[in-house]
């Protein structure tokens, strides 16, 4: 007789709450790991905006500020998307953080 119709107990997936808990722990590790680098990037971004607005650098240097500003925003977006992907339930995370 064939075993095609039977489920193999070894193929069973872990309960949903275990998977969610593991993803939440992984998400927290990523948040902890990225906290300092993102804080530093935030300060660099504020400095870039102040330099841009107050025109504190020679006009020839201004084109160099825009790529820095854009790169920082790309990092912020990447961090958000990474956290959203790791979140056990992405919509719940968005609702909790207010985004």
N, C-alpha and C. Protein backbone atom coordinates (compact mmCIF):
# COMPACT_ATOMS: atom_id res chain seq x y z
N UNK A 1 0.82 -1.18 0.00
CA UNK A 1 0.00 0.00 0.00
C UNK A 1 0.88 1.26 0.00
N UNK A 2 0.44 2.32 -0.63
CA UNK A 2 1.22 3.54 -0.77
C UNK A 2 1.02 4.47 0.41
N UNK A 3 2.06 5.25 0.75
CA UNK A 3 1.98 6.22 1.84
C UNK A 3 1.61 7.62 1.35
N UNK A 4 1.17 7.74 0.10
CA UNK A 4 0.90 9.06 -0.46
C UNK A 4 -0.22 9.79 0.28
N UNK A 5 -1.22 9.12 0.74
CA UNK A 5 -2.36 9.75 1.38
C UNK A 5 -2.13 10.10 2.84
N UNK A 6 -1.06 9.60 3.42
CA UNK A 6 -0.82 9.84 4.85
C UNK A 6 0.16 10.98 5.05
N UNK A 7 -0.05 11.69 6.15
CA UNK A 7 0.89 12.75 6.50
C UNK A 7 2.00 12.15 7.34
N UNK A 8 3.20 12.58 7.07
CA UNK A 8 4.34 12.14 7.84
C UNK A 8 4.48 13.07 9.04
N UNK A 9 4.46 12.55 10.27
CA UNK A 9 4.57 13.43 11.44
C UNK A 9 5.87 14.23 11.47
N UNK A 10 6.91 13.75 10.81
CA UNK A 10 8.17 14.49 10.76
C UNK A 10 8.09 15.72 9.86
N UNK A 11 7.10 15.75 8.96
CA UNK A 11 6.92 16.88 8.05
C UNK A 11 6.08 17.99 8.67
N UNK A 12 5.59 17.79 9.88
CA UNK A 12 4.71 18.78 10.51
C UNK A 12 5.49 20.07 10.76
N UNK A 13 4.82 21.18 10.53
CA UNK A 13 5.44 22.48 10.76
C UNK A 13 5.21 22.89 12.21
N UNK A 14 6.12 23.73 12.75
CA UNK A 14 5.95 24.18 14.14
C UNK A 14 4.68 25.01 14.26
N UNK A 15 4.12 25.05 15.46
CA UNK A 15 2.91 25.87 15.66
C UNK A 15 3.18 27.33 15.31
N UNK A 16 2.14 28.02 14.89
CA UNK A 16 2.24 29.40 14.44
C UNK A 16 2.81 30.29 15.54
N UNK A 17 2.40 30.09 16.80
CA UNK A 17 2.88 30.96 17.87
C UNK A 17 4.39 30.82 18.09
N UNK A 18 4.94 29.62 17.85
CA UNK A 18 6.39 29.42 17.98
C UNK A 18 7.11 30.19 16.87
N UNK A 19 6.60 30.11 15.66
CA UNK A 19 7.20 30.82 14.53
C UNK A 19 7.13 32.33 14.76
N UNK A 20 5.98 32.82 15.23
CA UNK A 20 5.83 34.25 15.50
C UNK A 20 6.80 34.71 16.59
N UNK A 21 6.94 33.90 17.63
CA UNK A 21 7.86 34.26 18.72
C UNK A 21 9.30 34.31 18.22
N UNK A 22 9.69 33.35 17.37
CA UNK A 22 11.05 33.35 16.83
C UNK A 22 11.28 34.57 15.94
N UNK A 23 10.29 34.92 15.14
CA UNK A 23 10.43 36.09 14.27
C UNK A 23 10.49 37.37 15.10
N UNK A 24 9.71 37.43 16.17
CA UNK A 24 9.75 38.61 17.04
C UNK A 24 11.12 38.74 17.71
N UNK A 25 11.70 37.62 18.13
CA UNK A 25 13.03 37.65 18.72
C UNK A 25 14.08 38.08 17.70
N UNK A 26 13.95 37.59 16.47
CA UNK A 26 14.88 37.98 15.41
C UNK A 26 14.73 39.46 15.09
N UNK A 27 13.49 39.93 15.05
CA UNK A 27 13.23 41.35 14.81
C UNK A 27 13.86 42.20 15.90
N UNK A 28 13.73 41.78 17.15
CA UNK A 28 14.31 42.55 18.25
C UNK A 28 15.83 42.58 18.17
N UNK A 29 16.45 41.46 17.76
CA UNK A 29 17.91 41.44 17.59
C UNK A 29 18.34 42.43 16.50
N UNK A 30 17.59 42.46 15.39
CA UNK A 30 17.91 43.39 14.31
C UNK A 30 17.75 44.83 14.78
N UNK A 31 16.66 45.11 15.51
CA UNK A 31 16.45 46.47 16.03
C UNK A 31 17.58 46.87 16.97
N UNK A 32 17.98 45.97 17.84
CA UNK A 32 19.07 46.27 18.77
C UNK A 32 20.38 46.52 18.02
N UNK A 33 20.62 45.72 17.00
CA UNK A 33 21.86 45.83 16.23
C UNK A 33 21.90 47.12 15.42
N UNK A 34 20.74 47.56 14.90
CA UNK A 34 20.70 48.75 14.05
C UNK A 34 20.46 50.06 14.81
N UNK A 35 20.18 49.97 16.09
CA UNK A 35 19.84 51.18 16.85
C UNK A 35 20.93 52.26 16.77
N UNK A 36 22.14 51.92 17.09
CA UNK A 36 23.23 52.91 17.08
C UNK A 36 23.56 53.41 15.66
N UNK A 37 23.73 52.51 14.68
CA UNK A 37 24.02 53.02 13.33
C UNK A 37 22.93 53.95 12.79
N UNK A 38 21.66 53.63 13.07
CA UNK A 38 20.58 54.48 12.57
C UNK A 38 20.54 55.80 13.32
N UNK A 39 20.90 55.81 14.60
CA UNK A 39 20.96 57.06 15.35
C UNK A 39 22.07 57.96 14.80
N UNK A 40 23.20 57.36 14.47
CA UNK A 40 24.30 58.12 13.89
C UNK A 40 23.89 58.67 12.53
N UNK A 41 23.25 57.84 11.72
CA UNK A 41 22.77 58.31 10.42
C UNK A 41 21.78 59.46 10.57
N UNK A 42 20.95 59.39 11.60
CA UNK A 42 19.99 60.47 11.84
C UNK A 42 20.72 61.79 12.11
N UNK A 43 21.77 61.72 12.91
CA UNK A 43 22.54 62.93 13.20
C UNK A 43 23.24 63.46 11.95
N UNK A 44 23.77 62.55 11.15
CA UNK A 44 24.42 62.96 9.90
C UNK A 44 23.39 63.61 8.97
N UNK A 45 22.19 63.04 8.93
CA UNK A 45 21.13 63.59 8.08
C UNK A 45 20.76 65.00 8.55
N UNK A 46 20.62 65.18 9.86
CA UNK A 46 20.29 66.51 10.38
C UNK A 46 21.39 67.50 10.00
N UNK A 47 22.64 67.09 10.15
CA UNK A 47 23.75 67.96 9.77
C UNK A 47 23.70 68.30 8.28
N UNK A 48 23.39 67.31 7.45
CA UNK A 48 23.31 67.55 6.00
C UNK A 48 22.19 68.53 5.67
N UNK A 49 21.06 68.41 6.36
CA UNK A 49 19.94 69.32 6.11
C UNK A 49 20.31 70.74 6.55
N UNK A 50 20.96 70.86 7.70
CA UNK A 50 21.37 72.19 8.18
C UNK A 50 22.35 72.81 7.20
N UNK A 51 23.31 72.03 6.73
CA UNK A 51 24.29 72.53 5.77
C UNK A 51 23.59 72.98 4.50
N UNK A 52 22.62 72.18 4.07
CA UNK A 52 21.86 72.51 2.85
C UNK A 52 21.06 73.79 3.03
N UNK A 53 20.33 73.89 4.12
CA UNK A 53 19.44 75.02 4.34
C UNK A 53 20.22 76.32 4.62
N UNK A 54 21.27 76.23 5.40
CA UNK A 54 22.01 77.42 5.79
C UNK A 54 23.10 77.78 4.78
N UNK A 55 23.27 76.93 3.78
CA UNK A 55 24.30 77.14 2.77
C UNK A 55 25.66 77.41 3.42
N UNK A 56 26.05 76.48 4.30
CA UNK A 56 27.29 76.62 5.06
C UNK A 56 28.54 76.17 4.30
N UNK A 57 28.34 75.55 3.16
CA UNK A 57 29.49 75.09 2.38
C UNK A 57 29.52 75.86 1.07
N UNK A 58 30.66 75.93 0.44
CA UNK A 58 30.73 76.62 -0.85
C UNK A 58 29.77 75.98 -1.86
N UNK A 59 29.30 76.80 -2.77
CA UNK A 59 28.30 76.34 -3.75
C UNK A 59 28.79 75.13 -4.54
N UNK A 60 30.06 75.01 -4.76
CA UNK A 60 30.62 73.88 -5.50
C UNK A 60 30.48 72.56 -4.76
N UNK A 61 30.33 72.61 -3.46
CA UNK A 61 30.21 71.39 -2.66
C UNK A 61 28.76 70.93 -2.51
N UNK A 62 27.82 71.79 -2.79
CA UNK A 62 26.41 71.46 -2.59
C UNK A 62 25.96 70.21 -3.37
N UNK A 63 26.45 70.00 -4.59
CA UNK A 63 26.04 68.76 -5.28
C UNK A 63 26.49 67.49 -4.54
N UNK A 64 27.48 67.60 -3.68
CA UNK A 64 27.92 66.45 -2.90
C UNK A 64 27.03 66.15 -1.71
N UNK A 65 26.27 67.13 -1.26
CA UNK A 65 25.39 66.94 -0.11
C UNK A 65 24.15 66.12 -0.50
N UNK A 66 23.63 66.35 -1.68
CA UNK A 66 22.41 65.66 -2.11
C UNK A 66 22.58 64.14 -2.17
N UNK A 67 23.65 63.60 -2.74
CA UNK A 67 23.80 62.14 -2.72
C UNK A 67 23.90 61.57 -1.30
N UNK A 68 24.52 62.31 -0.39
CA UNK A 68 24.60 61.85 1.00
C UNK A 68 23.20 61.80 1.60
N UNK A 69 22.43 62.84 1.38
CA UNK A 69 21.05 62.90 1.86
C UNK A 69 20.22 61.74 1.30
N UNK A 70 20.36 61.52 0.00
CA UNK A 70 19.61 60.44 -0.65
C UNK A 70 20.03 59.07 -0.12
N UNK A 71 21.32 58.86 0.05
CA UNK A 71 21.81 57.58 0.56
C UNK A 71 21.28 57.30 1.96
N UNK A 72 21.23 58.33 2.78
CA UNK A 72 20.71 58.16 4.14
C UNK A 72 19.25 57.75 4.09
N UNK A 73 18.46 58.39 3.23
CA UNK A 73 17.05 58.01 3.10
C UNK A 73 16.90 56.58 2.60
N UNK A 74 17.79 56.15 1.73
CA UNK A 74 17.76 54.76 1.26
C UNK A 74 18.01 53.81 2.43
N UNK A 75 18.96 54.15 3.31
CA UNK A 75 19.21 53.32 4.49
C UNK A 75 17.99 53.29 5.41
N UNK A 76 17.34 54.45 5.62
CA UNK A 76 16.14 54.47 6.46
C UNK A 76 15.05 53.58 5.87
N UNK A 77 14.85 53.67 4.57
CA UNK A 77 13.84 52.85 3.90
C UNK A 77 14.19 51.37 4.00
N UNK A 78 15.45 51.04 3.80
CA UNK A 78 15.88 49.64 3.89
C UNK A 78 15.66 49.09 5.30
N UNK A 79 15.95 49.90 6.30
CA UNK A 79 15.72 49.45 7.68
C UNK A 79 14.24 49.19 7.92
N UNK A 80 13.40 50.10 7.46
CA UNK A 80 11.96 49.93 7.65
C UNK A 80 11.47 48.68 6.94
N UNK A 81 11.88 48.47 5.70
CA UNK A 81 11.44 47.30 4.95
C UNK A 81 11.95 46.00 5.58
N UNK A 82 13.17 46.02 6.10
CA UNK A 82 13.70 44.85 6.78
C UNK A 82 12.88 44.52 8.02
N UNK A 83 12.58 45.54 8.82
CA UNK A 83 11.76 45.30 10.01
C UNK A 83 10.36 44.83 9.64
N UNK A 84 9.81 45.39 8.59
CA UNK A 84 8.48 44.98 8.15
C UNK A 84 8.49 43.53 7.67
N UNK A 85 9.55 43.14 6.97
CA UNK A 85 9.66 41.76 6.49
C UNK A 85 9.84 40.77 7.64
N UNK A 86 10.55 41.18 8.68
CA UNK A 86 10.80 40.29 9.80
C UNK A 86 9.65 40.24 10.79
N UNK A 87 8.81 41.24 10.77
CA UNK A 87 7.72 41.30 11.74
C UNK A 87 6.80 40.10 11.58
N UNK A 88 6.39 39.50 12.70
CA UNK A 88 5.48 38.35 12.61
C UNK A 88 4.22 38.70 11.83
N UNK A 89 3.70 39.85 12.08
CA UNK A 89 2.53 40.32 11.35
C UNK A 89 2.81 41.77 10.99
N UNK A 90 3.15 42.02 9.73
CA UNK A 90 3.57 43.33 9.29
C UNK A 90 2.55 44.44 9.57
N UNK A 91 1.28 44.14 9.32
CA UNK A 91 0.27 45.16 9.53
C UNK A 91 0.15 45.53 10.99
N UNK A 92 0.28 44.55 11.87
CA UNK A 92 0.20 44.83 13.30
C UNK A 92 1.37 45.71 13.71
N UNK A 93 2.54 45.47 13.14
CA UNK A 93 3.72 46.28 13.45
C UNK A 93 3.49 47.72 12.98
N UNK A 94 2.96 47.88 11.78
CA UNK A 94 2.69 49.23 11.25
C UNK A 94 1.70 49.95 12.16
N UNK A 95 0.68 49.27 12.59
CA UNK A 95 -0.32 49.89 13.46
C UNK A 95 0.29 50.27 14.80
N UNK A 96 1.17 49.42 15.33
CA UNK A 96 1.77 49.68 16.64
C UNK A 96 2.74 50.85 16.59
N UNK A 97 3.49 50.98 15.49
CA UNK A 97 4.48 52.06 15.39
C UNK A 97 3.90 53.33 14.82
N UNK A 98 2.68 53.26 14.33
CA UNK A 98 2.02 54.45 13.82
C UNK A 98 2.43 54.82 12.41
N UNK A 99 3.02 53.86 11.68
CA UNK A 99 3.42 54.15 10.29
C UNK A 99 2.43 53.59 9.32
